[in-house]
Each structure stands twice: as structure tokens, then as C-alpha cells.
PDB file of all heavy atoms in Angstrom:
ATOM      1  N   ARG A   1      68.032 -49.090 -35.574  1.00  0.00           N
ATOM      2  CA  ARG A   1      67.978 -48.851 -34.135  1.00  0.00           C
ATOM      3  C   ARG A   1      66.631 -48.269 -33.689  1.00  0.00           C
ATOM      4  O   ARG A   1      66.182 -48.495 -32.582  1.00  0.00           O
ATOM      5  CB  ARG A   1      69.095 -47.894 -33.735  1.00  0.00           C
ATOM      6  CG  ARG A   1      70.469 -48.555 -33.823  1.00  0.00           C
ATOM      7  CD  ARG A   1      71.546 -47.635 -33.295  1.00  0.00           C
ATOM      8  NE  ARG A   1      72.835 -48.307 -33.287  1.00  0.00           N
ATOM      9  CZ  ARG A   1      73.979 -47.727 -32.838  1.00  0.00           C
ATOM     10  NH1 ARG A   1      73.924 -46.483 -32.386  1.00  0.00           N
ATOM     11  NH2 ARG A   1      75.105 -48.398 -32.872  1.00  0.00           N
ATOM     12  N   ILE A   2      65.993 -47.522 -34.600  1.00  0.00           N
ATOM     13  CA  ILE A   2      64.727 -46.882 -34.247  1.00  0.00           C
ATOM     14  C   ILE A   2      63.578 -47.883 -34.274  1.00  0.00           C
ATOM     15  O   ILE A   2      62.703 -47.877 -33.401  1.00  0.00           O
ATOM     16  CB  ILE A   2      64.430 -45.693 -35.191  1.00  0.00           C
ATOM     17  CG1 ILE A   2      65.464 -44.596 -34.983  1.00  0.00           C
ATOM     18  CG2 ILE A   2      63.014 -45.163 -34.990  1.00  0.00           C
ATOM     19  CD1 ILE A   2      65.368 -43.483 -35.993  1.00  0.00           C
ATOM     20  N   LEU A   3      63.565 -48.780 -35.301  1.00  0.00           N
ATOM     21  CA  LEU A   3      62.445 -49.689 -35.462  1.00  0.00           C
ATOM     22  C   LEU A   3      62.431 -50.756 -34.373  1.00  0.00           C
ATOM     23  O   LEU A   3      63.478 -51.221 -33.922  1.00  0.00           O
ATOM     24  CB  LEU A   3      62.535 -50.388 -36.826  1.00  0.00           C
ATOM     25  CG  LEU A   3      62.298 -49.491 -38.056  1.00  0.00           C
ATOM     26  CD1 LEU A   3      62.513 -50.284 -39.332  1.00  0.00           C
ATOM     27  CD2 LEU A   3      60.897 -48.893 -38.042  1.00  0.00           C
ATOM     28  N   PRO A   4      61.247 -51.205 -33.992  1.00  0.00           N
ATOM     29  CA  PRO A   4      61.133 -52.300 -33.032  1.00  0.00           C
ATOM     30  C   PRO A   4      61.728 -53.576 -33.615  1.00  0.00           C
ATOM     31  O   PRO A   4      61.784 -53.763 -34.831  1.00  0.00           O
ATOM     32  CB  PRO A   4      59.617 -52.436 -32.830  1.00  0.00           C
ATOM     33  CG  PRO A   4      59.041 -51.154 -33.290  1.00  0.00           C
ATOM     34  CD  PRO A   4      59.934 -50.644 -34.354  1.00  0.00           C
ATOM     35  N   LYS A   5      62.131 -54.477 -32.717  1.00  0.00           N
ATOM     36  CA  LYS A   5      62.780 -55.718 -33.143  1.00  0.00           C
ATOM     37  C   LYS A   5      61.861 -56.523 -34.054  1.00  0.00           C
ATOM     38  O   LYS A   5      62.303 -57.111 -35.055  1.00  0.00           O
ATOM     39  CB  LYS A   5      63.165 -56.534 -31.926  1.00  0.00           C
ATOM     40  CG  LYS A   5      63.876 -57.844 -32.291  1.00  0.00           C
ATOM     41  CD  LYS A   5      64.287 -58.618 -31.053  1.00  0.00           C
ATOM     42  CE  LYS A   5      64.977 -59.914 -31.438  1.00  0.00           C
ATOM     43  NZ  LYS A   5      65.379 -60.690 -30.226  1.00  0.00           N
ATOM     44  N   SER A   6      60.575 -56.614 -33.740  1.00  0.00           N
ATOM     45  CA  SER A   6      59.642 -57.418 -34.542  1.00  0.00           C
ATOM     46  C   SER A   6      59.565 -56.918 -35.985  1.00  0.00           C
ATOM     47  O   SER A   6      59.485 -57.695 -36.930  1.00  0.00           O
ATOM     48  CB  SER A   6      58.246 -57.393 -33.913  1.00  0.00           C
ATOM     49  OG  SER A   6      57.751 -56.061 -33.834  1.00  0.00           O
ATOM     50  N   VAL A   7      59.604 -55.588 -36.136  1.00  0.00           N
ATOM     51  CA  VAL A   7      59.551 -55.015 -37.487  1.00  0.00           C
ATOM     52  C   VAL A   7      60.850 -55.298 -38.234  1.00  0.00           C
ATOM     53  O   VAL A   7      60.856 -55.587 -39.428  1.00  0.00           O
ATOM     54  CB  VAL A   7      59.281 -53.498 -37.427  1.00  0.00           C
ATOM     55  CG1 VAL A   7      59.295 -52.898 -38.835  1.00  0.00           C
ATOM     56  CG2 VAL A   7      57.950 -53.231 -36.747  1.00  0.00           C
ATOM     57  N   ARG A   8      61.970 -55.177 -37.491  1.00  0.00           N
ATOM     58  CA  ARG A   8      63.269 -55.459 -38.129  1.00  0.00           C
ATOM     59  C   ARG A   8      63.322 -56.897 -38.621  1.00  0.00           C
ATOM     60  O   ARG A   8      63.832 -57.183 -39.711  1.00  0.00           O
ATOM     61  CB  ARG A   8      64.409 -55.197 -37.141  1.00  0.00           C
ATOM     62  CG  ARG A   8      64.541 -53.751 -36.713  1.00  0.00           C
ATOM     63  CD  ARG A   8      65.944 -53.458 -36.213  1.00  0.00           C
ATOM     64  NE  ARG A   8      66.361 -54.349 -35.138  1.00  0.00           N
ATOM     65  CZ  ARG A   8      66.142 -54.102 -33.845  1.00  0.00           C
ATOM     66  NH1 ARG A   8      65.471 -53.015 -33.477  1.00  0.00           N
ATOM     67  NH2 ARG A   8      66.575 -54.946 -32.925  1.00  0.00           N
ATOM     68  N   VAL A   9      62.771 -57.835 -37.850  1.00  0.00           N
ATOM     69  CA  VAL A   9      62.751 -59.249 -38.256  1.00  0.00           C
ATOM     70  C   VAL A   9      61.912 -59.421 -39.514  1.00  0.00           C
ATOM     71  O   VAL A   9      62.283 -60.132 -40.454  1.00  0.00           O
ATOM     72  CB  VAL A   9      62.207 -60.130 -37.113  1.00  0.00           C
ATOM     73  CG1 VAL A   9      61.983 -61.559 -37.619  1.00  0.00           C
ATOM     74  CG2 VAL A   9      63.183 -60.138 -35.952  1.00  0.00           C
ATOM     75  N   ALA A  10      60.757 -58.748 -39.558  1.00  0.00           N
ATOM     76  CA  ALA A  10      59.874 -58.855 -40.726  1.00  0.00           C
ATOM     77  C   ALA A  10      60.544 -58.310 -41.973  1.00  0.00           C
ATOM     78  O   ALA A  10      60.470 -58.894 -43.058  1.00  0.00           O
ATOM     79  CB  ALA A  10      58.573 -58.102 -40.464  1.00  0.00           C
ATOM     80  N   LEU A  11      61.229 -57.174 -41.828  1.00  0.00           N
ATOM     81  CA  LEU A  11      61.932 -56.590 -42.975  1.00  0.00           C
ATOM     82  C   LEU A  11      63.052 -57.500 -43.449  1.00  0.00           C
ATOM     83  O   LEU A  11      63.315 -57.626 -44.648  1.00  0.00           O
ATOM     84  CB  LEU A  11      62.487 -55.215 -42.604  1.00  0.00           C
ATOM     85  CG  LEU A  11      61.449 -54.091 -42.464  1.00  0.00           C
ATOM     86  CD1 LEU A  11      62.132 -52.821 -41.957  1.00  0.00           C
ATOM     87  CD2 LEU A  11      60.764 -53.836 -43.793  1.00  0.00           C
ATOM     88  N   ALA A  12      63.732 -58.142 -42.505  1.00  0.00           N
ATOM     89  CA  ALA A  12      64.803 -59.065 -42.874  1.00  0.00           C
ATOM     90  C   ALA A  12      64.254 -60.232 -43.677  1.00  0.00           C
ATOM     91  O   ALA A  12      64.847 -60.691 -44.657  1.00  0.00           O
ATOM     92  CB  ALA A  12      65.517 -59.572 -41.615  1.00  0.00           C
ATOM     93  N   ALA A  13      63.073 -60.721 -43.252  1.00  0.00           N
ATOM     94  CA  ALA A  13      62.447 -61.828 -43.970  1.00  0.00           C
ATOM     95  C   ALA A  13      62.089 -61.422 -45.391  1.00  0.00           C
ATOM     96  O   ALA A  13      62.273 -62.171 -46.341  1.00  0.00           O
ATOM     97  CB  ALA A  13      61.190 -62.289 -43.225  1.00  0.00           C
ATOM     98  N   VAL A  14      61.563 -60.192 -45.529  1.00  0.00           N
ATOM     99  CA  VAL A  14      61.230 -59.695 -46.864  1.00  0.00           C
ATOM    100  C   VAL A  14      62.478 -59.592 -47.732  1.00  0.00           C
ATOM    101  O   VAL A  14      62.499 -59.949 -48.909  1.00  0.00           O
ATOM    102  CB  VAL A  14      60.525 -58.323 -46.770  1.00  0.00           C
ATOM    103  CG1 VAL A  14      60.371 -57.708 -48.164  1.00  0.00           C
ATOM    104  CG2 VAL A  14      59.173 -58.480 -46.108  1.00  0.00           C
ATOM    105  N   ALA A  15      63.580 -59.097 -47.115  1.00  0.00           N
ATOM    106  CA  ALA A  15      64.833 -58.968 -47.849  1.00  0.00           C
ATOM    107  C   ALA A  15      65.342 -60.320 -48.313  1.00  0.00           C
ATOM    108  O   ALA A  15      65.806 -60.487 -49.447  1.00  0.00           O
ATOM    109  CB  ALA A  15      65.879 -58.279 -46.965  1.00  0.00           C
ATOM    110  N   LEU A  16      65.261 -61.323 -47.424  1.00  0.00           N
ATOM    111  CA  LEU A  16      65.719 -62.656 -47.789  1.00  0.00           C
ATOM    112  C   LEU A  16      64.852 -63.243 -48.900  1.00  0.00           C
ATOM    113  O   LEU A  16      65.345 -63.904 -49.808  1.00  0.00           O
ATOM    114  CB  LEU A  16      65.692 -63.577 -46.559  1.00  0.00           C
ATOM    115  CG  LEU A  16      66.786 -63.319 -45.523  1.00  0.00           C
ATOM    116  CD1 LEU A  16      66.544 -64.164 -44.288  1.00  0.00           C
ATOM    117  CD2 LEU A  16      68.164 -63.612 -46.113  1.00  0.00           C
ATOM    118  N   THR A  17      63.540 -62.998 -48.828  1.00  0.00           N
ATOM    119  CA  THR A  17      62.646 -63.483 -49.873  1.00  0.00           C
ATOM    120  C   THR A  17      62.999 -62.856 -51.210  1.00  0.00           C
ATOM    121  O   THR A  17      63.061 -63.517 -52.246  1.00  0.00           O
ATOM    122  CB  THR A  17      61.186 -63.158 -49.522  1.00  0.00           C
ATOM    123  OG1 THR A  17      60.873 -63.779 -48.278  1.00  0.00           O
ATOM    124  CG2 THR A  17      60.238 -63.660 -50.603  1.00  0.00           C
ATOM    125  N   GLY A  18      63.259 -61.565 -51.192  1.00  0.00           N
ATOM    126  CA  GLY A  18      63.645 -60.875 -52.422  1.00  0.00           C
ATOM    127  C   GLY A  18      64.933 -61.434 -52.981  1.00  0.00           C
ATOM    128  O   GLY A  18      65.091 -61.599 -54.186  1.00  0.00           O
ATOM    129  N   LEU A  19      65.890 -61.757 -52.091  1.00  0.00           N
ATOM    130  CA  LEU A  19      67.156 -62.321 -52.544  1.00  0.00           C
ATOM    131  C   LEU A  19      66.924 -63.683 -53.181  1.00  0.00           C
ATOM    132  O   LEU A  19      67.472 -63.997 -54.232  1.00  0.00           O
ATOM    133  CB  LEU A  19      68.115 -62.458 -51.350  1.00  0.00           C
ATOM    134  CG  LEU A  19      69.492 -63.088 -51.653  1.00  0.00           C
ATOM    135  CD1 LEU A  19      70.237 -62.245 -52.684  1.00  0.00           C
ATOM    136  CD2 LEU A  19      70.308 -63.224 -50.369  1.00  0.00           C
ATOM    137  N   ALA A  20      66.078 -64.469 -52.532  1.00  0.00           N
ATOM    138  CA  ALA A  20      65.789 -65.792 -53.087  1.00  0.00           C
ATOM    139  C   ALA A  20      65.140 -65.675 -54.457  1.00  0.00           C
ATOM    140  O   ALA A  20      65.448 -66.417 -55.381  1.00  0.00           O
ATOM    141  CB  ALA A  20      64.870 -66.566 -52.134  1.00  0.00           C
ATOM    142  N   GLN A  21      64.231 -64.688 -54.600  1.00  0.00           N
ATOM    143  CA  GLN A  21      63.597 -64.496 -55.886  1.00  0.00           C
ATOM    144  C   GLN A  21      64.598 -64.048 -56.937  1.00  0.00           C
ATOM    145  O   GLN A  21      64.536 -64.439 -58.095  1.00  0.00           O
ATOM    146  CB  GLN A  21      62.466 -63.465 -55.760  1.00  0.00           C
ATOM    147  CG  GLN A  21      61.268 -63.997 -54.969  1.00  0.00           C
ATOM    148  CD  GLN A  21      60.223 -62.940 -54.752  1.00  0.00           C
ATOM    149  OE1 GLN A  21      60.497 -61.746 -54.873  1.00  0.00           O
ATOM    150  NE2 GLN A  21      59.024 -63.374 -54.390  1.00  0.00           N
ATOM    151  N   GLY A  22      65.564 -63.253 -56.493  1.00  0.00           N
ATOM    152  CA  GLY A  22      66.593 -62.809 -57.426  1.00  0.00           C
ATOM    153  C   GLY A  22      67.420 -63.971 -57.930  1.00  0.00           C
ATOM    154  O   GLY A  22      67.743 -64.071 -59.102  1.00  0.00           O
ATOM    155  N   VAL A  23      67.752 -64.894 -57.009  1.00  0.00           N
ATOM    156  CA  VAL A  23      68.508 -66.074 -57.413  1.00  0.00           C
ATOM    157  C   VAL A  23      67.678 -66.924 -58.361  1.00  0.00           C
ATOM    158  O   VAL A  23      68.152 -67.409 -59.381  1.00  0.00           O
ATOM    159  CB  VAL A  23      68.926 -66.894 -56.175  1.00  0.00           C
ATOM    160  CG1 VAL A  23      69.548 -68.212 -56.596  1.00  0.00           C
ATOM    161  CG2 VAL A  23      69.897 -66.097 -55.320  1.00  0.00           C
ATOM    162  N   GLN A  24      66.382 -67.083 -58.021  1.00  0.00           N
ATOM    163  CA  GLN A  24      65.507 -67.882 -58.863  1.00  0.00           C
ATOM    164  C   GLN A  24      65.402 -67.289 -60.260  1.00  0.00           C
ATOM    165  O   GLN A  24      65.362 -68.006 -61.247  1.00  0.00           O
ATOM    166  CB  GLN A  24      64.115 -67.956 -58.219  1.00  0.00           C
ATOM    167  CG  GLN A  24      63.099 -68.773 -59.016  1.00  0.00           C
ATOM    168  CD  GLN A  24      63.466 -70.232 -59.069  1.00  0.00           C
ATOM    169  OE1 GLN A  24      64.143 -70.731 -58.171  1.00  0.00           O
ATOM    170  NE2 GLN A  24      63.062 -70.908 -60.121  1.00  0.00           N
ATOM    171  N   ALA A  25      65.384 -65.949 -60.341  1.00  0.00           N
ATOM    172  CA  ALA A  25      65.263 -65.281 -61.635  1.00  0.00           C
ATOM    173  C   ALA A  25      66.477 -65.534 -62.514  1.00  0.00           C
ATOM    174  O   ALA A  25      66.415 -65.363 -63.720  1.00  0.00           O
ATOM    175  CB  ALA A  25      65.076 -63.778 -61.426  1.00  0.00           C
ATOM    176  N   GLN A  26      67.588 -65.954 -61.903  1.00  0.00           N
ATOM    177  CA  GLN A  26      68.787 -66.218 -62.672  1.00  0.00           C
ATOM    178  C   GLN A  26      68.940 -67.691 -63.018  1.00  0.00           C
ATOM    179  O   GLN A  26      69.965 -68.112 -63.504  1.00  0.00           O
ATOM    180  CB  GLN A  26      70.015 -65.746 -61.883  1.00  0.00           C
ATOM    181  CG  GLN A  26      70.095 -64.240 -61.706  1.00  0.00           C
ATOM    182  CD  GLN A  26      70.104 -63.519 -63.037  1.00  0.00           C
ATOM    183  OE1 GLN A  26      70.945 -63.777 -63.894  1.00  0.00           O
ATOM    184  NE2 GLN A  26      69.161 -62.596 -63.234  1.00  0.00           N
ATOM    185  N   GLU A  27      67.908 -68.468 -62.743  1.00  0.00           N
ATOM    186  CA  GLU A  27      67.923 -69.883 -63.135  1.00  0.00           C
ATOM    187  C   GLU A  27      67.115 -70.054 -64.405  1.00  0.00           C
ATOM    188  O   GLU A  27      65.976 -69.603 -64.498  1.00  0.00           O
ATOM    189  CB  GLU A  27      67.341 -70.760 -62.030  1.00  0.00           C
ATOM    190  CG  GLU A  27      67.332 -72.242 -62.406  1.00  0.00           C
ATOM    191  CD  GLU A  27      66.713 -73.121 -61.343  1.00  0.00           C
ATOM    192  OE1 GLU A  27      65.476 -73.118 -61.222  1.00  0.00           O
ATOM    193  OE2 GLU A  27      67.485 -73.794 -60.621  1.00  0.00           O
ATOM    194  N   LEU A  28      67.713 -70.711 -65.392  1.00  0.00           N
ATOM    195  CA  LEU A  28      67.009 -71.008 -66.628  1.00  0.00           C
ATOM    196  C   LEU A  28      66.662 -72.491 -66.643  1.00  0.00           C
ATOM    197  O   LEU A  28      67.538 -73.342 -66.509  1.00  0.00           O
ATOM    198  CB  LEU A  28      67.885 -70.680 -67.848  1.00  0.00           C
ATOM    199  CG  LEU A  28      68.133 -69.208 -68.161  1.00  0.00           C
ATOM    200  CD1 LEU A  28      69.032 -69.082 -69.380  1.00  0.00           C
ATOM    201  CD2 LEU A  28      66.812 -68.483 -68.400  1.00  0.00           C
ATOM    202  N   ARG A  29      65.378 -72.796 -66.812  1.00  0.00           N
ATOM    203  CA  ARG A  29      64.939 -74.178 -66.913  1.00  0.00           C
ATOM    204  C   ARG A  29      64.788 -74.556 -68.381  1.00  0.00           C
ATOM    205  O   ARG A  29      64.221 -73.805 -69.183  1.00  0.00           O
ATOM    206  CB  ARG A  29      63.602 -74.376 -66.191  1.00  0.00           C
ATOM    207  CG  ARG A  29      63.668 -74.193 -64.685  1.00  0.00           C
ATOM    208  CD  ARG A  29      62.276 -74.240 -64.074  1.00  0.00           C
ATOM    209  NE  ARG A  29      61.581 -75.468 -64.397  1.00  0.00           N
ATOM    210  CZ  ARG A  29      60.305 -75.537 -64.818  1.00  0.00           C
ATOM    211  NH1 ARG A  29      59.604 -74.416 -64.962  1.00  0.00           N
ATOM    212  NH2 ARG A  29      59.736 -76.695 -65.080  1.00  0.00           N
ATOM    213  N   ILE A  30      65.299 -75.735 -68.719  1.00  0.00           N
ATOM    214  CA  ILE A  30      65.230 -76.222 -70.097  1.00  0.00           C
ATOM    215  C   ILE A  30      64.640 -77.615 -70.104  1.00  0.00           C
ATOM    216  O   ILE A  30      65.077 -78.494 -69.354  1.00  0.00           O
ATOM    217  CB  ILE A  30      66.625 -76.254 -70.752  1.00  0.00           C
ATOM    218  CG1 ILE A  30      67.258 -74.870 -70.752  1.00  0.00           C
ATOM    219  CG2 ILE A  30      66.527 -76.788 -72.183  1.00  0.00           C
ATOM    220  CD1 ILE A  30      68.663 -74.856 -71.321  1.00  0.00           C
ATOM    221  N   TRP A  31      63.643 -77.829 -70.969  1.00  0.00           N
ATOM    222  CA  TRP A  31      63.126 -79.170 -71.212  1.00  0.00           C
ATOM    223  C   TRP A  31      63.706 -79.675 -72.532  1.00  0.00           C
ATOM    224  O   TRP A  31      63.570 -79.038 -73.578  1.00  0.00           O
ATOM    225  CB  TRP A  31      61.604 -79.155 -71.302  1.00  0.00           C
ATOM    226  CG  TRP A  31      60.928 -79.116 -69.962  1.00  0.00           C
ATOM    227  CD1 TRP A  31      61.521 -79.061 -68.733  1.00  0.00           C
ATOM    228  CD2 TRP A  31      59.524 -79.128 -69.730  1.00  0.00           C
ATOM    229  NE1 TRP A  31      60.579 -79.044 -67.743  1.00  0.00           N
ATOM    230  CE2 TRP A  31      59.334 -79.086 -68.320  1.00  0.00           C
ATOM    231  CE3 TRP A  31      58.404 -79.177 -70.546  1.00  0.00           C
ATOM    232  CZ2 TRP A  31      58.068 -79.086 -67.748  1.00  0.00           C
ATOM    233  CZ3 TRP A  31      57.142 -79.175 -69.979  1.00  0.00           C
ATOM    234  CH2 TRP A  31      56.973 -79.130 -68.593  1.00  0.00           C
ATOM    235  N   THR A  32      64.358 -80.795 -72.473  1.00  0.00           N
ATOM    236  CA  THR A  32      64.967 -81.415 -73.640  1.00  0.00           C
ATOM    237  C   THR A  32      64.985 -82.911 -73.415  1.00  0.00           C
ATOM    238  O   THR A  32      64.723 -83.387 -72.305  1.00  0.00           O
ATOM    239  CB  THR A  32      66.396 -80.889 -73.853  1.00  0.00           C
ATOM    240  OG1 THR A  32      67.026 -81.632 -74.909  1.00  0.00           O
ATOM    241  CG2 THR A  32      67.233 -81.048 -72.591  1.00  0.00           C
ATOM    242  N   PHE A  33      65.309 -83.666 -74.446  1.00  0.00           N
ATOM    243  CA  PHE A  33      65.470 -85.114 -74.265  1.00  0.00           C
ATOM    244  C   PHE A  33      66.929 -85.472 -73.979  1.00  0.00           C
ATOM    245  O   PHE A  33      67.257 -86.644 -73.776  1.00  0.00           O
ATOM    246  CB  PHE A  33      64.976 -85.879 -75.502  1.00  0.00           C
ATOM    247  CG  PHE A  33      65.669 -85.468 -76.776  1.00  0.00           C
ATOM    248  CD1 PHE A  33      66.876 -86.028 -77.154  1.00  0.00           C
ATOM    249  CD2 PHE A  33      65.098 -84.507 -77.593  1.00  0.00           C
ATOM    250  CE1 PHE A  33      67.509 -85.642 -78.325  1.00  0.00           C
ATOM    251  CE2 PHE A  33      65.729 -84.115 -78.768  1.00  0.00           C
ATOM    252  CZ  PHE A  33      66.938 -84.690 -79.130  1.00  0.00           C
ATOM    253  N   LEU A  34      67.812 -84.471 -73.964  1.00  0.00           N
ATOM    254  CA  LEU A  34      69.219 -84.714 -73.664  1.00  0.00           C
ATOM    255  C   LEU A  34      69.459 -84.714 -72.156  1.00  0.00           C
ATOM    256  O   LEU A  34      68.832 -83.953 -71.420  1.00  0.00           O
ATOM    257  CB  LEU A  34      70.096 -83.633 -74.314  1.00  0.00           C
ATOM    258  CG  LEU A  34      70.096 -83.566 -75.842  1.00  0.00           C
ATOM    259  CD1 LEU A  34      71.016 -82.454 -76.319  1.00  0.00           C
ATOM    260  CD2 LEU A  34      70.523 -84.905 -76.449  1.00  0.00           C
ATOM    261  N   ASP A  35      70.378 -85.558 -71.739  1.00  0.00           N
ATOM    262  CA  ASP A  35      70.779 -85.625 -70.338  1.00  0.00           C
ATOM    263  C   ASP A  35      72.131 -84.931 -70.203  1.00  0.00           C
ATOM    264  O   ASP A  35      73.091 -85.298 -70.885  1.00  0.00           O
ATOM    265  CB  ASP A  35      70.875 -87.084 -69.894  1.00  0.00           C
ATOM    266  CG  ASP A  35      71.188 -87.237 -68.410  1.00  0.00           C
ATOM    267  OD1 ASP A  35      71.613 -86.244 -67.774  1.00  0.00           O
ATOM    268  OD2 ASP A  35      71.033 -88.358 -67.893  1.00  0.00           O
ATOM    269  N   LEU A  36      72.206 -83.945 -69.344  1.00  0.00           N
ATOM    270  CA  LEU A  36      73.443 -83.173 -69.207  1.00  0.00           C
ATOM    271  C   LEU A  36      74.606 -84.052 -68.758  1.00  0.00           C
ATOM    272  O   LEU A  36      75.768 -83.721 -69.000  1.00  0.00           O
ATOM    273  CB  LEU A  36      73.235 -82.034 -68.201  1.00  0.00           C
ATOM    274  CG  LEU A  36      74.142 -80.808 -68.368  1.00  0.00           C
ATOM    275  CD1 LEU A  36      73.976 -80.201 -69.742  1.00  0.00           C
ATOM    276  CD2 LEU A  36      73.836 -79.766 -67.297  1.00  0.00           C
ATOM    277  N   ASN A  37      74.311 -85.171 -68.132  1.00  0.00           N
ATOM    278  CA  ASN A  37      75.355 -86.092 -67.683  1.00  0.00           C
ATOM    279  C   ASN A  37      75.519 -87.285 -68.619  1.00  0.00           C
ATOM    280  O   ASN A  37      76.255 -88.227 -68.314  1.00  0.00           O
ATOM    281  CB  ASN A  37      75.032 -86.602 -66.272  1.00  0.00           C
ATOM    282  CG  ASN A  37      75.000 -85.473 -65.256  1.00  0.00           C
ATOM    283  OD1 ASN A  37      75.909 -84.641 -65.222  1.00  0.00           O
ATOM    284  ND2 ASN A  37      73.956 -85.419 -64.444  1.00  0.00           N
ATOM    285  N   GLY A  38      74.823 -87.244 -69.761  1.00  0.00           N
ATOM    286  CA  GLY A  38      74.917 -88.339 -70.719  1.00  0.00           C
ATOM    287  C   GLY A  38      76.238 -88.340 -71.469  1.00  0.00           C
ATOM    288  O   GLY A  38      77.003 -87.364 -71.431  1.00  0.00           O
ATOM    289  N   GLN A  39      76.495 -89.428 -72.163  1.00  0.00           N
ATOM    290  CA  GLN A  39      77.786 -89.595 -72.838  1.00  0.00           C
ATOM    291  C   GLN A  39      77.685 -89.588 -74.361  1.00  0.00           C
ATOM    292  O   GLN A  39      78.697 -89.761 -75.037  1.00  0.00           O
ATOM    293  CB  GLN A  39      78.428 -90.915 -72.373  1.00  0.00           C
ATOM    294  CG  GLN A  39      78.716 -90.974 -70.883  1.00  0.00           C
ATOM    295  CD  GLN A  39      79.616 -89.837 -70.427  1.00  0.00           C
ATOM    296  OE1 GLN A  39      80.674 -89.594 -71.001  1.00  0.00           O
ATOM    297  NE2 GLN A  39      79.192 -89.115 -69.382  1.00  0.00           N
ATOM    298  N   SER A  40      76.498 -89.406 -74.904  1.00  0.00           N
ATOM    299  CA  SER A  40      76.402 -89.335 -76.366  1.00  0.00           C
ATOM    300  C   SER A  40      77.051 -88.045 -76.853  1.00  0.00           C
ATOM    301  O   SER A  40      77.221 -87.085 -76.091  1.00  0.00           O
ATOM    302  CB  SER A  40      74.938 -89.380 -76.805  1.00  0.00           C
ATOM    303  OG  SER A  40      74.278 -88.162 -76.508  1.00  0.00           O
ATOM    304  N   GLY A  41      77.388 -88.017 -78.124  1.00  0.00           N
ATOM    305  CA  GLY A  41      78.045 -86.835 -78.672  1.00  0.00           C
ATOM    306  C   GLY A  41      77.229 -85.576 -78.515  1.00  0.00           C
ATOM    307  O   GLY A  41      77.750 -84.504 -78.187  1.00  0.00           O
ATOM    308  N   ARG A  42      75.926 -85.668 -78.731  1.00  0.00           N
ATOM    309  CA  ARG A  42      75.054 -84.496 -78.599  1.00  0.00           C
ATOM    310  C   ARG A  42      75.011 -84.009 -77.151  1.00  0.00           C
ATOM    311  O   ARG A  42      74.979 -82.806 -76.883  1.00  0.00           O
ATOM    312  CB  ARG A  42      73.649 -84.821 -79.095  1.00  0.00           C
ATOM    313  CG  ARG A  42      73.572 -85.055 -80.590  1.00  0.00           C
ATOM    314  CD  ARG A  42      72.167 -85.176 -81.094  1.00  0.00           C
ATOM    315  NE  ARG A  42      71.483 -86.372 -80.641  1.00  0.00           N
ATOM    316  CZ  ARG A  42      70.301 -86.779 -81.094  1.00  0.00           C
ATOM    317  NH1 ARG A  42      69.673 -86.062 -82.002  1.00  0.00           N
ATOM    318  NH2 ARG A  42      69.734 -87.879 -80.650  1.00  0.00           N
ATOM    319  N   GLU A  43      75.004 -84.957 -76.216  1.00  0.00           N
ATOM    320  CA  GLU A  43      74.954 -84.578 -74.804  1.00  0.00           C
ATOM    321  C   GLU A  43      76.257 -83.945 -74.350  1.00  0.00           C
ATOM    322  O   GLU A  43      76.262 -82.990 -73.566  1.00  0.00           O
ATOM    323  CB  GLU A  43      74.612 -85.814 -73.963  1.00  0.00           C
ATOM    324  CG  GLU A  43      73.167 -86.251 -74.148  1.00  0.00           C
ATOM    325  CD  GLU A  43      72.869 -87.626 -73.601  1.00  0.00           C
ATOM    326  OE1 GLU A  43      73.770 -88.495 -73.654  1.00  0.00           O
ATOM    327  OE2 GLU A  43      71.741 -87.861 -73.136  1.00  0.00           O
ATOM    328  N   VAL A  44      77.374 -84.445 -74.861  1.00  0.00           N
ATOM    329  CA  VAL A  44      78.672 -83.843 -74.532  1.00  0.00           C
ATOM    330  C   VAL A  44      78.748 -82.422 -75.073  1.00  0.00           C
ATOM    331  O   VAL A  44      79.207 -81.492 -74.392  1.00  0.00           O
ATOM    332  CB  VAL A  44      79.822 -84.701 -75.095  1.00  0.00           C
ATOM    333  CG1 VAL A  44      81.158 -83.981 -74.935  1.00  0.00           C
ATOM    334  CG2 VAL A  44      79.869 -86.057 -74.385  1.00  0.00           C
TER     335      VAL A  44
END
């Protein structure tokens, strides 16, 4: 309530960015020759 609206918007944007980074930090990227949707025994 004390902060001006423009500052509150900026802080909200920072918070959303931090949340997005948090989600990104929980994603693991893997390079492999297997296809997760493939039907070979190794892929299953």
C-alpha cells in the first residue's frame, strides 16, 4: 500500500522472473539417442 503502483509492478515482474527461474532450475535436460516416445525395449 505504501509503494507506488509502478514500483509494485516492477517488483511483481521480478517475482515472476524468479519463479520462472525456479521452475527452470527443476528441469533436467538429457541428450541421448533414445526417444522417450519410442517403442524399442531400451526406450520403454
